Amino acid sequence: MRLQRWHRAAKMFPPTSPTSSPWSGRFAGSTVDLTEGMLRELDHRAARLNVSRQAVIKTMLRQVLDEGRGRRATSKKKAD
């Protein structure tokens, strides 16, 4: 029964090519070389949080970028 429902739903949403996907152009990949120690630390955090290594990297990177943005905004206000 579940399989039949899945097949009906799949017909309603046919596969699309990567170029016609609504997500195309919104994400870009990147390759980063990390030391073994950094990978171990990332894997440890990921295991502790029960998430993927990629989730840890994205979260940490977002935090650092947000902190940097906050510092720039603060320094601009002081300059005015």
PDB file of N, CA and C in Angstrom:
ATOM      1  N   MET A   1       0.820  -1.202   0.000  1.00  0.00           N
ATOM      2  CA  MET A   1       0.000   0.000   0.000  1.00  0.00           C
ATOM      3  C   MET A   1       0.866   1.270   0.000  1.00  0.00           C
ATOM      4  N   ARG A   2       1.897   1.291   0.864  1.00  0.00           N
ATOM      5  CA  ARG A   2       2.774   2.455   0.900  1.00  0.00           C
ATOM      6  C   ARG A   2       3.480   2.660  -0.423  1.00  0.00           C
ATOM      7  N   LEU A   3       3.930   1.570  -1.005  1.00  0.00           N
ATOM      8  CA  LEU A   3       4.642   1.656  -2.271  1.00  0.00           C
ATOM      9  C   LEU A   3       3.739   2.230  -3.358  1.00  0.00           C
ATOM     10  N   GLN A   4       2.479   1.844  -3.368  1.00  0.00           N
ATOM     11  CA  GLN A   4       1.546   2.385  -4.364  1.00  0.00           C
ATOM     12  C   GLN A   4       1.373   3.888  -4.170  1.00  0.00           C
ATOM     13  N   ARG A   5       1.274   4.336  -2.927  1.00  0.00           N
ATOM     14  CA  ARG A   5       1.140   5.774  -2.666  1.00  0.00           C
ATOM     15  C   ARG A   5       2.387   6.514  -3.116  1.00  0.00           C
ATOM     16  N   TRP A   6       3.561   5.904  -2.859  1.00  0.00           N
ATOM     17  CA  TRP A   6       4.808   6.527  -3.260  1.00  0.00           C
ATOM     18  C   TRP A   6       4.860   6.673  -4.776  1.00  0.00           C
ATOM     19  N   HIS A   7       4.445   5.634  -5.500  1.00  0.00           N
ATOM     20  CA  HIS A   7       4.455   5.695  -6.962  1.00  0.00           C
ATOM     21  C   HIS A   7       3.504   6.777  -7.473  1.00  0.00           C
ATOM     22  N   ARG A   8       2.335   6.908  -6.859  1.00  0.00           N
ATOM     23  CA  ARG A   8       1.400   7.967  -7.266  1.00  0.00           C
ATOM     24  C   ARG A   8       2.017   9.344  -7.022  1.00  0.00           C
ATOM     25  N   ALA A   9       2.643   9.504  -5.877  1.00  0.00           N
ATOM     26  CA  ALA A   9       3.263  10.794  -5.566  1.00  0.00           C
ATOM     27  C   ALA A   9       4.424  11.083  -6.508  1.00  0.00           C
ATOM     28  N   ALA A  10       5.193  10.058  -6.835  1.00  0.00           N
ATOM     29  CA  ALA A  10       6.338  10.234  -7.736  1.00  0.00           C
ATOM     30  C   ALA A  10       5.880  10.703  -9.115  1.00  0.00           C
ATOM     31  N   LYS A  11       4.725  10.251  -9.566  1.00  0.00           N
ATOM     32  CA  LYS A  11       4.212  10.675 -10.871  1.00  0.00           C
ATOM     33  C   LYS A  11       3.832  12.159 -10.845  1.00  0.00           C
ATOM     34  N   MET A  12       3.406  12.653  -9.688  1.00  0.00           N
ATOM     35  CA  MET A  12       3.017  14.057  -9.575  1.00  0.00           C
ATOM     36  C   MET A  12       4.236  14.976  -9.607  1.00  0.00           C
ATOM     37  N   PHE A  13       5.414  14.458  -9.216  1.00  0.00           N
ATOM     38  CA  PHE A  13       6.636  15.245  -9.173  1.00  0.00           C
ATOM     39  C   PHE A  13       7.714  14.564 -10.003  1.00  0.00           C
ATOM     40  N   PRO A  14       7.651  14.708 -11.318  1.00  0.00           N
ATOM     41  CA  PRO A  14       8.633  14.032 -12.173  1.00  0.00           C
ATOM     42  C   PRO A  14      10.032  14.577 -11.915  1.00  0.00           C
ATOM     43  N   PRO A  15      11.057  13.750 -12.153  1.00  0.00           N
ATOM     44  CA  PRO A  15      12.428  14.221 -11.940  1.00  0.00           C
ATOM     45  C   PRO A  15      12.757  15.368 -12.880  1.00  0.00           C
ATOM     46  N   THR A  16      13.597  16.254 -12.419  1.00  0.00           N
ATOM     47  CA  THR A  16      14.000  17.393 -13.240  1.00  0.00           C
ATOM     48  C   THR A  16      15.498  17.310 -13.466  1.00  0.00           C
ATOM     49  N   SER A  17      15.937  17.978 -14.475  1.00  0.00           N
ATOM     50  CA  SER A  17      17.385  18.027 -14.720  1.00  0.00           C
ATOM     51  C   SER A  17      17.995  19.009 -13.722  1.00  0.00           C
ATOM     52  N   PRO A  18      19.276  18.878 -13.425  1.00  0.00           N
ATOM     53  CA  PRO A  18      19.907  19.788 -12.463  1.00  0.00           C
ATOM     54  C   PRO A  18      19.806  21.248 -12.864  1.00  0.00           C
ATOM     55  N   THR A  19      19.777  21.536 -14.156  1.00  0.00           N
ATOM     56  CA  THR A  19      19.721  22.932 -14.584  1.00  0.00           C
ATOM     57  C   THR A  19      18.331  23.525 -14.433  1.00  0.00           C
ATOM     58  N   SER A  20      17.300  22.684 -14.389  1.00  0.00           N
ATOM     59  CA  SER A  20      15.950  23.223 -14.250  1.00  0.00           C
ATOM     60  C   SER A  20      15.451  23.147 -12.818  1.00  0.00           C
ATOM     61  N   SER A  21      16.297  22.683 -11.914  1.00  0.00           N
ATOM     62  CA  SER A  21      15.905  22.569 -10.516  1.00  0.00           C
ATOM     63  C   SER A  21      15.699  23.950  -9.906  1.00  0.00           C
ATOM     64  N   PRO A  22      14.724  24.099  -9.017  1.00  0.00           N
ATOM     65  CA  PRO A  22      14.535  25.401  -8.361  1.00  0.00           C
ATOM     66  C   PRO A  22      15.715  25.765  -7.478  1.00  0.00           C
ATOM     67  N   TRP A  23      16.565  24.790  -7.149  1.00  0.00           N
ATOM     68  CA  TRP A  23      17.728  25.057  -6.291  1.00  0.00           C
ATOM     69  C   TRP A  23      18.974  25.366  -7.090  1.00  0.00           C
ATOM     70  N   SER A  24      18.931  25.222  -8.413  1.00  0.00           N
ATOM     71  CA  SER A  24      20.151  25.435  -9.193  1.00  0.00           C
ATOM     72  C   SER A  24      20.589  26.896  -9.076  1.00  0.00           C
ATOM     73  N   GLY A  25      21.876  27.079  -8.908  1.00  0.00           N
ATOM     74  CA  GLY A  25      22.420  28.422  -8.795  1.00  0.00           C
ATOM     75  C   GLY A  25      22.398  28.979  -7.388  1.00  0.00           C
ATOM     76  N   ARG A  26      21.726  28.315  -6.453  1.00  0.00           N
ATOM     77  CA  ARG A  26      21.641  28.841  -5.087  1.00  0.00           C
ATOM     78  C   ARG A  26      22.754  28.315  -4.197  1.00  0.00           C
ATOM     79  N   PHE A  27      23.346  27.207  -4.583  1.00  0.00           N
ATOM     80  CA  PHE A  27      24.390  26.594  -3.785  1.00  0.00           C
ATOM     81  C   PHE A  27      25.610  26.356  -4.659  1.00  0.00           C
ATOM     82  N   ALA A  28      26.771  26.477  -4.048  1.00  0.00           N
ATOM     83  CA  ALA A  28      28.009  26.183  -4.762  1.00  0.00           C
ATOM     84  C   ALA A  28      28.852  25.279  -3.880  1.00  0.00           C
ATOM     85  N   GLY A  29      29.552  24.370  -4.492  1.00  0.00           N
ATOM     86  CA  GLY A  29      30.403  23.470  -3.736  1.00  0.00           C
ATOM     87  C   GLY A  29      31.793  24.046  -3.572  1.00  0.00           C
ATOM     88  N   SER A  30      32.516  23.510  -2.622  1.00  0.00           N
ATOM     89  CA  SER A  30      33.880  23.931  -2.382  1.00  0.00           C
ATOM     90  C   SER A  30      34.656  22.759  -1.810  1.00  0.00           C
ATOM     91  N   THR A  31      35.900  22.677  -2.148  1.00  0.00           N
ATOM     92  CA  THR A  31      36.761  21.635  -1.611  1.00  0.00           C
ATOM     93  C   THR A  31      37.796  22.296  -0.716  1.00  0.00           C
ATOM     94  N   VAL A  32      37.957  21.768   0.480  1.00  0.00           N
ATOM     95  CA  VAL A  32      38.890  22.338   1.442  1.00  0.00           C
ATOM     96  C   VAL A  32      39.809  21.229   1.944  1.00  0.00           C
ATOM     97  N   ASP A  33      41.101  21.493   1.969  1.00  0.00           N
ATOM     98  CA  ASP A  33      42.060  20.542   2.524  1.00  0.00           C
ATOM     99  C   ASP A  33      42.220  20.827   4.009  1.00  0.00           C
ATOM    100  N   LEU A  34      42.020  19.817   4.833  1.00  0.00           N
ATOM    101  CA  LEU A  34      42.131  19.959   6.289  1.00  0.00           C
ATOM    102  C   LEU A  34      43.151  18.969   6.826  1.00  0.00           C
ATOM    103  N   THR A  35      43.777  19.318   7.925  1.00  0.00           N
ATOM    104  CA  THR A  35      44.729  18.400   8.548  1.00  0.00           C
ATOM    105  C   THR A  35      43.961  17.257   9.212  1.00  0.00           C
ATOM    106  N   GLU A  36      44.670  16.181   9.498  1.00  0.00           N
ATOM    107  CA  GLU A  36      44.037  15.039  10.172  1.00  0.00           C
ATOM    108  C   GLU A  36      43.500  15.447  11.532  1.00  0.00           C
ATOM    109  N   GLY A  37      44.223  16.300  12.224  1.00  0.00           N
ATOM    110  CA  GLY A  37      43.780  16.767  13.535  1.00  0.00           C
ATOM    111  C   GLY A  37      42.473  17.546  13.455  1.00  0.00           C
ATOM    112  N   MET A  38      42.369  18.399  12.441  1.00  0.00           N
ATOM    113  CA  MET A  38      41.133  19.169  12.264  1.00  0.00           C
ATOM    114  C   MET A  38      39.972  18.237  11.958  1.00  0.00           C
ATOM    115  N   LEU A  39      40.208  17.234  11.111  1.00  0.00           N
ATOM    116  CA  LEU A  39      39.146  16.285  10.778  1.00  0.00           C
ATOM    117  C   LEU A  39      38.701  15.496  12.008  1.00  0.00           C
ATOM    118  N   ARG A  40      39.670  15.083  12.835  1.00  0.00           N
ATOM    119  CA  ARG A  40      39.324  14.358  14.066  1.00  0.00           C
ATOM    120  C   ARG A  40      38.461  15.230  14.976  1.00  0.00           C
ATOM    121  N   GLU A  41      38.844  16.505  15.105  1.00  0.00           N
ATOM    122  CA  GLU A  41      38.080  17.420  15.961  1.00  0.00           C
ATOM    123  C   GLU A  41      36.668  17.637  15.404  1.00  0.00           C
ATOM    124  N   LEU A  42      36.578  17.806  14.094  1.00  0.00           N
ATOM    125  CA  LEU A  42      35.256  17.967  13.471  1.00  0.00           C
ATOM    126  C   LEU A  42      34.408  16.712  13.653  1.00  0.00           C
ATOM    127  N   ASP A  43      35.023  15.555  13.443  1.00  0.00           N
ATOM    128  CA  ASP A  43      34.295  14.291  13.611  1.00  0.00           C
ATOM    129  C   ASP A  43      33.852  14.098  15.058  1.00  0.00           C
ATOM    130  N   HIS A  44      34.693  14.503  16.010  1.00  0.00           N
ATOM    131  CA  HIS A  44      34.325  14.386  17.425  1.00  0.00           C
ATOM    132  C   HIS A  44      33.106  15.252  17.737  1.00  0.00           C
ATOM    133  N   ARG A  45      33.140  16.495  17.257  1.00  0.00           N
ATOM    134  CA  ARG A  45      31.991  17.390  17.479  1.00  0.00           C
ATOM    135  C   ARG A  45      30.735  16.859  16.800  1.00  0.00           C
ATOM    136  N   ALA A  46      30.900  16.365  15.577  1.00  0.00           N
ATOM    137  CA  ALA A  46      29.751  15.831  14.842  1.00  0.00           C
ATOM    138  C   ALA A  46      29.146  14.642  15.583  1.00  0.00           C
ATOM    139  N   ALA A  47      29.987  13.752  16.102  1.00  0.00           N
ATOM    140  CA  ALA A  47      29.493  12.582  16.830  1.00  0.00           C
ATOM    141  C   ALA A  47      28.796  13.014  18.122  1.00  0.00           C
ATOM    142  N   ARG A  48      29.379  13.991  18.814  1.00  0.00           N
ATOM    143  CA  ARG A  48      28.782  14.464  20.071  1.00  0.00           C
ATOM    144  C   ARG A  48      27.412  15.087  19.826  1.00  0.00           C
ATOM    145  N   LEU A  49      27.271  15.798  18.704  1.00  0.00           N
ATOM    146  CA  LEU A  49      26.009  16.460  18.371  1.00  0.00           C
ATOM    147  C   LEU A  49      25.063  15.578  17.567  1.00  0.00           C
ATOM    148  N   ASN A  50      25.556  14.414  17.137  1.00  0.00           N
ATOM    149  CA  ASN A  50      24.783  13.481  16.317  1.00  0.00           C
ATOM    150  C   ASN A  50      24.329  14.122  14.997  1.00  0.00           C
ATOM    151  N   VAL A  51      25.283  14.801  14.350  1.00  0.00           N
ATOM    152  CA  VAL A  51      25.035  15.427  13.049  1.00  0.00           C
ATOM    153  C   VAL A  51      26.202  15.068  12.125  1.00  0.00           C
ATOM    154  N   SER A  52      26.108  15.463  10.882  1.00  0.00           N
ATOM    155  CA  SER A  52      27.173  15.174   9.930  1.00  0.00           C
ATOM    156  C   SER A  52      28.336  16.153  10.102  1.00  0.00           C
ATOM    157  N   ARG A  53      29.494  15.746   9.603  1.00  0.00           N
ATOM    158  CA  ARG A  53      30.661  16.634   9.614  1.00  0.00           C
ATOM    159  C   ARG A  53      30.340  17.902   8.834  1.00  0.00           C
ATOM    160  N   GLN A  54      29.645  17.752   7.716  1.00  0.00           N
ATOM    161  CA  GLN A  54      29.290  18.907   6.893  1.00  0.00           C
ATOM    162  C   GLN A  54      28.427  19.896   7.678  1.00  0.00           C
ATOM    163  N   ALA A  55      27.511  19.401   8.487  1.00  0.00           N
ATOM    164  CA  ALA A  55      26.660  20.286   9.289  1.00  0.00           C
ATOM    165  C   ALA A  55      27.499  21.072  10.291  1.00  0.00           C
ATOM    166  N   VAL A  56      28.480  20.419  10.888  1.00  0.00           N
ATOM    167  CA  VAL A  56      29.359  21.103  11.841  1.00  0.00           C
ATOM    168  C   VAL A  56      30.150  22.197  11.125  1.00  0.00           C
ATOM    169  N   ILE A  57      30.716  21.869   9.971  1.00  0.00           N
ATOM    170  CA  ILE A  57      31.509  22.841   9.219  1.00  0.00           C
ATOM    171  C   ILE A  57      30.649  24.042   8.830  1.00  0.00           C
ATOM    172  N   LYS A  58      29.464  23.794   8.305  1.00  0.00           N
ATOM    173  CA  LYS A  58      28.596  24.894   7.876  1.00  0.00           C
ATOM    174  C   LYS A  58      28.183  25.768   9.051  1.00  0.00           C
ATOM    175  N   THR A  59      27.858  25.152  10.182  1.00  0.00           N
ATOM    176  CA  THR A  59      27.434  25.912  11.355  1.00  0.00           C
ATOM    177  C   THR A  59      28.571  26.772  11.886  1.00  0.00           C
ATOM    178  N   MET A  60      29.754  26.175  12.003  1.00  0.00           N
ATOM    179  CA  MET A  60      30.900  26.930  12.516  1.00  0.00           C
ATOM    180  C   MET A  60      31.285  28.066  11.567  1.00  0.00           C
ATOM    181  N   LEU A  61      31.261  27.804  10.280  1.00  0.00           N
ATOM    182  CA  LEU A  61      31.587  28.835   9.300  1.00  0.00           C
ATOM    183  C   LEU A  61      30.570  29.971   9.356  1.00  0.00           C
ATOM    184  N   ARG A  62      29.295  29.635   9.464  1.00  0.00           N
ATOM    185  CA  ARG A  62      28.256  30.663   9.561  1.00  0.00           C
ATOM    186  C   ARG A  62      28.466  31.545  10.793  1.00  0.00           C
ATOM    187  N   GLN A  63      28.819  30.925  11.935  1.00  0.00           N
ATOM    188  CA  GLN A  63      29.053  31.685  13.161  1.00  0.00           C
ATOM    189  C   GLN A  63      30.216  32.658  12.998  1.00  0.00           C
ATOM    190  N   VAL A  64      31.303  32.188  12.393  1.00  0.00           N
ATOM    191  CA  VAL A  64      32.470  33.047  12.199  1.00  0.00           C
ATOM    192  C   VAL A  64      32.141  34.197  11.252  1.00  0.00           C
ATOM    193  N   LEU A  65      31.431  33.906  10.180  1.00  0.00           N
ATOM    194  CA  LEU A  65      31.055  34.962   9.237  1.00  0.00           C
ATOM    195  C   LEU A  65      30.127  35.980   9.895  1.00  0.00           C
ATOM    196  N   ASP A  66      29.191  35.522  10.699  1.00  0.00           N
ATOM    197  CA  ASP A  66      28.287  36.439  11.396  1.00  0.00           C
ATOM    198  C   ASP A  66      29.042  37.304  12.400  1.00  0.00           C
ATOM    199  N   GLU A  67      29.994  36.709  13.126  1.00  0.00           N
ATOM    200  CA  GLU A  67      30.797  37.483  14.068  1.00  0.00           C
ATOM    201  C   GLU A  67      31.586  38.562  13.338  1.00  0.00           C
ATOM    202  N   GLY A  68      32.177  38.213  12.208  1.00  0.00           N
ATOM    203  CA  GLY A  68      32.935  39.180  11.417  1.00  0.00           C
ATOM    204  C   GLY A  68      32.069  40.319  10.923  1.00  0.00           C
ATOM    205  N   ARG A  69      30.844  39.987  10.524  1.00  0.00           N
ATOM    206  CA  ARG A  69      29.912  41.015  10.050  1.00  0.00           C
ATOM    207  C   ARG A  69      29.560  41.962  11.196  1.00  0.00           C
ATOM    208  N   GLY A  70      29.370  41.407  12.382  1.00  0.00           N
ATOM    209  CA  GLY A  70      29.038  42.226  13.548  1.00  0.00           C
ATOM    210  C   GLY A  70      30.169  43.173  13.902  1.00  0.00           C
ATOM    211  N   ARG A  71      31.400  42.706  13.816  1.00  0.00           N
ATOM    212  CA  ARG A  71      32.556  43.558  14.122  1.00  0.00           C
ATOM    213  C   ARG A  71      32.671  44.684  13.120  1.00  0.00           C
ATOM    214  N   ARG A  72      32.453  44.380  11.840  1.00  0.00           N
ATOM    215  CA  ARG A  72      32.545  45.430  10.820  1.00  0.00           C
ATOM    216  C   ARG A  72      31.470  46.476  11.033  1.00  0.00           C
ATOM    217  N   ALA A  73      30.258  46.060  11.375  1.00  0.00           N
ATOM    218  CA  ALA A  73      29.170  47.010  11.595  1.00  0.00           C
ATOM    219  C   ALA A  73      29.480  47.889  12.796  1.00  0.00           C
ATOM    220  N   THR A  74      30.061  47.304  13.839  1.00  0.00           N
ATOM    221  CA  THR A  74      30.400  48.070  15.041  1.00  0.00           C
ATOM    222  C   THR A  74      31.507  49.072  14.737  1.00  0.00           C
ATOM    223  N   SER A  75      32.521  48.656  13.993  1.00  0.00           N
ATOM    224  CA  SER A  75      33.628  49.558  13.679  1.00  0.00           C
ATOM    225  C   SER A  75      33.171  50.697  12.764  1.00  0.00           C
ATOM    226  N   LYS A  76      32.215  50.453  11.886  1.00  0.00           N
ATOM    227  CA  LYS A  76      31.701  51.515  11.021  1.00  0.00           C
ATOM    228  C   LYS A  76      30.944  52.554  11.853  1.00  0.00           C
ATOM    229  N   LYS A  77      30.170  52.094  12.857  1.00  0.00           N
ATOM    230  CA  LYS A  77      29.417  53.016  13.714  1.00  0.00           C
ATOM    231  C   LYS A  77      30.363  53.906  14.504  1.00  0.00           C
ATOM    232  N   LYS A  78      31.491  53.336  14.986  1.00  0.00           N
ATOM    233  CA  LYS A  78      32.462  54.110  15.750  1.00  0.00           C
ATOM    234  C   LYS A  78      33.128  55.156  14.876  1.00  0.00           C
ATOM    235  N   ALA A  79      33.315  54.833  13.607  1.00  0.00           N
ATOM    236  CA  ALA A  79      33.974  55.770  12.685  1.00  0.00           C
ATOM    237  C   ALA A  79      33.078  56.953  12.371  1.00  0.00           C
ATOM    238  N   ASP A  80      31.769  56.792  12.449  1.00  0.00           N
ATOM    239  CA  ASP A  80      30.831  57.875  12.120  1.00  0.00           C
ATOM    240  C   ASP A  80      30.774  58.888  13.184  1.00  0.00           C
TER     241      ASP A  80
END
